Amino acid sequence: MTSLNHPQLPLGFEAGELFTFDSFVAGNNAVLAGLAQQTALGEGEKQLFFWGEPGLGKSHLLQASCNLAAKKRRTVCYLTQAEILNQPVELFEGLEQLELICLDDINLWLVDAGREEALFDLINRVRETNHSLMLASTRPPDEAFIQLPDLRSRLSWGPVFQLHDLSDSEKYQALSYRARQNGLELPQKVADYLMQRYPRDMFGLFERLAMLDKASMVMQRKLTIPLVKSVFGG
């Protein structure tokens, strides 16, 4: 939830049940997940930067942190590429008053000197308020997509983590949890079929699970391999 009266801010973050730490299967990212929980609560590290390929759970982790913080009545903000690019750089003014700021896809919106300088100034102001900042990217902070050298150093003020892919068994665990959230049972053989026949990133797998959920409701059928074939072909 966002309580800051800021004309450029989106309407506040609504705490929900879909993106939580309970539904985040950490695998080899357990240390990062633990630090993110502490940061969300205002404990431990005040700044975290994590990066990795699309579909590894970066957005999930940011939203889970906002969910946890909001449930503890902390003021939070989660901003995506679309929200940032659709607003002037003044969007960043005053964000440091929030107790937790989560910025997603930073490599996609750091497209000009104005936004780089705005982020640089925000990081400095957040440090002064002793509030918390979490940033996610598909690329590490020391890569050349950041033109301002001082910003590169600021992005590494806190721990920097690379997210790692899950094993097949961990992916099944994540898919099964999401299915149960939707009131579905996902048989192991159906999950195996999905991972063998289609792209295996979690974002794509979750999208297909959502499509199967809708098809299952419309057709009044359980999740089976024939149902998968009828929806996606093959």
Protein backbone atom coordinates (compact mmCIF):
# COMPACT_ATOMS: atom_id res chain seq x y z
CA MET A 1 0.00 0.00 0.00
CA THR A 2 1.22 3.49 -0.76
CA SER A 3 0.26 6.27 1.63
CA LEU A 4 2.47 8.96 0.10
CA ASN A 5 0.43 11.78 -1.47
CA HIS A 6 2.36 12.01 -4.72
CA PRO A 7 0.67 13.18 -7.95
CA GLN A 8 2.80 10.89 -10.12
CA LEU A 9 2.49 7.72 -8.05
CA PRO A 10 0.27 4.83 -9.13
CA LEU A 11 -2.67 4.00 -6.84
CA GLY A 12 -0.94 1.96 -4.21
CA PHE A 13 0.15 -1.61 -3.98
CA GLU A 14 -2.61 -4.04 -3.05
CA ALA A 15 -1.38 -6.95 -0.97
CA GLY A 16 -2.51 -10.23 -2.54
CA GLU A 17 -1.91 -13.94 -2.24
CA LEU A 18 -0.55 -14.85 -5.69
CA PHE A 19 3.00 -13.49 -5.36
CA THR A 20 4.24 -14.38 -1.89
CA PHE A 21 7.33 -15.92 -0.37
CA ASP A 22 5.31 -19.07 0.31
CA SER A 23 4.68 -19.48 -3.43
CA PHE A 24 8.27 -18.57 -4.38
CA VAL A 25 10.24 -21.79 -4.84
CA ALA A 26 13.76 -20.60 -4.11
CA GLY A 27 15.93 -23.55 -5.13
CA ASN A 28 19.51 -22.26 -5.33
CA ASN A 29 18.21 -18.74 -4.67
CA ALA A 30 17.42 -19.41 -1.01
CA VAL A 31 19.97 -16.94 0.36
CA LEU A 32 18.56 -14.14 -1.80
CA ALA A 33 14.98 -15.01 -0.83
CA GLY A 34 15.93 -14.89 2.85
CA LEU A 35 17.63 -11.51 2.47
CA ALA A 36 14.65 -10.16 0.50
CA GLN A 37 12.30 -11.11 3.33
CA GLN A 38 14.50 -9.28 5.83
CA THR A 39 14.68 -6.21 3.61
CA ALA A 40 10.90 -6.25 3.15
CA LEU A 41 10.53 -6.14 6.92
CA GLY A 42 13.01 -3.28 7.25
CA GLU A 43 15.69 -5.50 8.73
CA GLY A 44 19.10 -6.51 7.45
CA GLU A 45 20.25 -5.10 4.11
CA LYS A 46 18.77 -1.77 3.00
CA GLN A 47 19.48 -2.32 -0.70
CA LEU A 48 19.34 -5.45 -2.86
CA PHE A 49 20.06 -5.85 -6.57
CA PHE A 50 19.30 -9.10 -8.34
CA TRP A 51 19.50 -10.06 -11.98
CA GLY A 52 18.97 -12.99 -14.29
CA GLU A 53 17.29 -14.22 -17.44
CA PRO A 54 13.54 -13.59 -17.92
CA GLY A 55 11.29 -16.11 -16.23
CA LEU A 56 13.45 -16.84 -13.17
CA GLY A 57 11.19 -15.07 -10.67
CA LYS A 58 12.58 -11.54 -10.34
CA SER A 59 9.16 -9.87 -10.53
CA HIS A 60 7.70 -12.52 -8.22
CA LEU A 61 10.36 -11.81 -5.62
CA LEU A 62 9.81 -8.04 -5.78
CA GLN A 63 6.05 -8.40 -5.46
CA ALA A 64 6.39 -10.95 -2.67
CA SER A 65 8.55 -8.41 -0.81
CA CYS A 66 5.91 -5.71 -1.32
CA ASN A 67 3.19 -8.10 -0.18
CA LEU A 68 5.03 -8.93 3.02
CA ALA A 69 5.89 -5.30 3.74
CA ALA A 70 2.33 -4.11 3.05
CA LYS A 71 0.89 -6.73 5.38
CA LYS A 72 3.19 -5.36 8.08
CA ARG A 73 1.73 -1.89 7.41
CA ARG A 74 4.89 -0.59 5.77
CA THR A 75 4.49 1.92 2.95
CA VAL A 76 5.58 0.32 -0.31
CA CYS A 77 5.80 0.93 -4.04
CA TYR A 78 6.34 -1.51 -6.91
CA LEU A 79 7.09 0.09 -10.28
CA THR A 80 7.44 -1.67 -13.64
CA GLN A 81 9.01 -0.64 -16.93
CA ALA A 82 5.67 0.48 -18.37
CA GLU A 83 4.80 2.64 -15.38
CA ILE A 84 8.20 4.32 -15.31
CA LEU A 85 8.45 4.98 -19.05
CA ASN A 86 4.92 6.42 -19.09
CA GLN A 87 5.81 8.99 -16.44
CA PRO A 88 8.30 11.89 -16.37
CA VAL A 89 11.45 11.48 -14.31
CA GLU A 90 9.75 13.52 -11.56
CA LEU A 91 8.08 10.22 -10.68
CA PHE A 92 11.14 9.48 -8.52
CA GLU A 93 10.79 12.63 -6.44
CA GLY A 94 9.55 11.81 -2.97
CA LEU A 95 9.76 8.03 -3.34
CA GLU A 96 12.37 7.93 -0.59
CA GLN A 97 9.58 8.69 1.89
CA LEU A 98 8.25 5.18 1.30
CA GLU A 99 9.66 2.46 3.52
CA LEU A 100 10.18 -0.02 0.67
CA ILE A 101 10.69 0.85 -3.02
CA CYS A 102 10.83 -2.01 -5.55
CA LEU A 103 11.92 -1.17 -9.10
CA ASP A 104 11.59 -3.85 -11.78
CA ASP A 105 13.24 -4.25 -15.20
CA ILE A 106 15.71 -1.41 -14.67
CA ASN A 107 17.74 -2.33 -17.76
CA LEU A 108 14.63 -1.68 -19.87
CA TRP A 109 13.89 1.83 -18.62
CA LEU A 110 17.35 3.26 -17.97
CA VAL A 111 17.28 4.57 -21.52
CA ASP A 112 18.56 8.12 -21.10
CA ALA A 113 20.74 10.31 -18.91
CA GLY A 114 17.73 11.87 -17.18
CA ARG A 115 16.48 8.57 -15.80
CA GLU A 116 19.98 7.48 -14.81
CA GLU A 117 20.49 10.70 -12.85
CA ALA A 118 17.02 10.38 -11.29
CA LEU A 119 17.78 6.86 -10.08
CA PHE A 120 21.22 7.93 -8.84
CA ASP A 121 19.64 10.72 -6.77
CA LEU A 122 16.90 8.41 -5.48
CA ILE A 123 19.44 5.86 -4.23
CA ASN A 124 21.26 8.61 -2.33
CA ARG A 125 18.03 9.90 -0.78
CA VAL A 126 16.88 6.42 0.22
CA ARG A 127 20.20 5.88 1.97
CA GLU A 128 19.68 9.11 3.92
CA THR A 129 16.19 8.08 5.08
CA ASN A 130 17.41 4.60 6.05
CA HIS A 131 14.56 3.07 4.04
CA SER A 132 14.80 0.03 1.76
CA LEU A 133 15.33 -0.31 -1.99
CA MET A 134 15.17 -3.43 -4.16
CA LEU A 135 16.04 -3.48 -7.86
CA ALA A 136 15.75 -6.19 -10.52
CA SER A 137 17.31 -6.46 -13.97
CA THR A 138 18.13 -9.00 -16.63
CA ARG A 139 21.72 -7.73 -16.60
CA PRO A 140 24.25 -7.09 -13.80
CA PRO A 141 24.89 -3.52 -12.61
CA ASP A 142 28.44 -3.36 -13.92
CA GLU A 143 27.42 -3.88 -17.57
CA ALA A 144 27.63 -1.12 -20.14
CA PHE A 145 23.88 -0.51 -20.37
CA ILE A 146 24.46 1.97 -17.54
CA GLN A 147 26.33 5.01 -18.84
CA LEU A 148 26.76 6.89 -15.55
CA PRO A 149 29.77 5.36 -13.71
CA ASP A 150 28.64 6.66 -10.31
CA LEU A 151 25.27 4.95 -10.79
CA ARG A 152 26.98 1.61 -11.39
CA SER A 153 28.75 1.94 -8.06
CA ARG A 154 25.54 3.00 -6.28
CA LEU A 155 23.71 -0.06 -7.61
CA SER A 156 26.33 -2.22 -5.90
CA TRP A 157 26.01 -0.50 -2.51
CA GLY A 158 24.13 -3.56 -1.30
CA PRO A 159 24.45 -7.26 -2.16
CA VAL A 160 24.16 -8.20 -5.85
CA PHE A 161 22.76 -11.63 -6.70
CA GLN A 162 22.34 -13.58 -9.91
CA LEU A 163 19.17 -15.69 -9.95
CA HIS A 164 19.56 -19.32 -10.97
CA ASP A 165 17.12 -21.58 -12.77
CA LEU A 166 15.13 -24.20 -10.89
CA SER A 167 15.49 -27.94 -11.30
CA ASP A 168 12.62 -29.86 -12.90
CA SER A 169 11.39 -31.06 -9.51
CA GLU A 170 11.44 -27.48 -8.17
CA LYS A 171 9.55 -26.26 -11.24
CA TYR A 172 6.91 -28.91 -10.61
CA GLN A 173 6.70 -27.75 -7.00
CA ALA A 174 6.12 -24.15 -8.15
CA LEU A 175 3.55 -25.17 -10.78
CA SER A 176 1.73 -27.43 -8.34
CA TYR A 177 1.53 -24.66 -5.75
CA ARG A 178 0.13 -22.21 -8.32
CA ALA A 179 -2.40 -24.80 -9.49
CA ARG A 180 -3.59 -25.38 -5.91
CA GLN A 181 -3.99 -21.63 -5.48
CA ASN A 182 -6.44 -21.83 -8.39
CA GLY A 183 -8.24 -24.86 -6.98
CA LEU A 184 -6.63 -27.31 -9.41
CA GLU A 185 -4.65 -30.50 -9.08
CA LEU A 186 -1.66 -30.75 -11.42
CA PRO A 187 -0.63 -34.38 -11.98
CA GLN A 188 3.10 -34.99 -12.25
CA LYS A 189 2.74 -36.51 -15.73
CA VAL A 190 0.94 -33.38 -17.01
CA ALA A 191 3.68 -31.13 -15.64
CA ASP A 192 6.34 -33.37 -17.19
CA TYR A 193 4.55 -33.17 -20.54
CA LEU A 194 4.43 -29.36 -20.36
CA MET A 195 8.14 -29.12 -19.58
CA GLN A 196 9.10 -31.60 -22.28
CA ARG A 197 7.05 -30.07 -25.11
CA TYR A 198 7.10 -26.32 -24.45
CA PRO A 199 9.54 -23.61 -23.28
CA ARG A 200 10.61 -24.33 -19.72
CA ASP A 201 10.95 -20.84 -18.22
CA MET A 202 8.63 -20.30 -15.27
CA PHE A 203 6.90 -17.28 -16.80
CA GLY A 204 5.88 -19.31 -19.85
CA LEU A 205 4.90 -22.32 -17.74
CA PHE A 206 2.71 -20.16 -15.50
CA GLU A 207 1.07 -18.60 -18.56
CA ARG A 208 0.22 -22.03 -19.96
CA LEU A 209 -1.08 -23.15 -16.58
CA ALA A 210 -3.39 -20.11 -16.51
CA MET A 211 -4.69 -21.00 -19.99
CA LEU A 212 -5.26 -24.59 -18.91
CA ASP A 213 -7.08 -23.36 -15.83
CA LYS A 214 -9.53 -21.42 -18.01
CA ALA A 215 -9.95 -24.34 -20.41
CA SER A 216 -10.54 -26.73 -17.53
CA MET A 217 -13.29 -24.51 -16.18
CA VAL A 218 -14.96 -24.01 -19.58
CA MET A 219 -14.80 -27.68 -20.56
CA GLN A 220 -15.44 -28.96 -17.02
CA ARG A 221 -12.45 -31.29 -17.35
CA LYS A 222 -9.53 -32.14 -15.11
CA LEU A 223 -5.94 -31.30 -16.06
CA THR A 224 -4.86 -34.15 -18.32
CA ILE A 225 -2.47 -34.59 -21.23
CA PRO A 226 -5.40 -34.82 -23.70
CA LEU A 227 -6.62 -31.47 -22.37
CA VAL A 228 -3.14 -29.97 -22.87
CA LYS A 229 -3.10 -31.27 -26.45
CA SER A 230 -6.56 -29.86 -27.14
CA VAL A 231 -5.48 -26.41 -25.92
CA PHE A 232 -1.95 -26.17 -27.33
CA GLY A 233 -1.92 -28.87 -30.01
CA GLY A 234 0.66 -31.60 -30.32
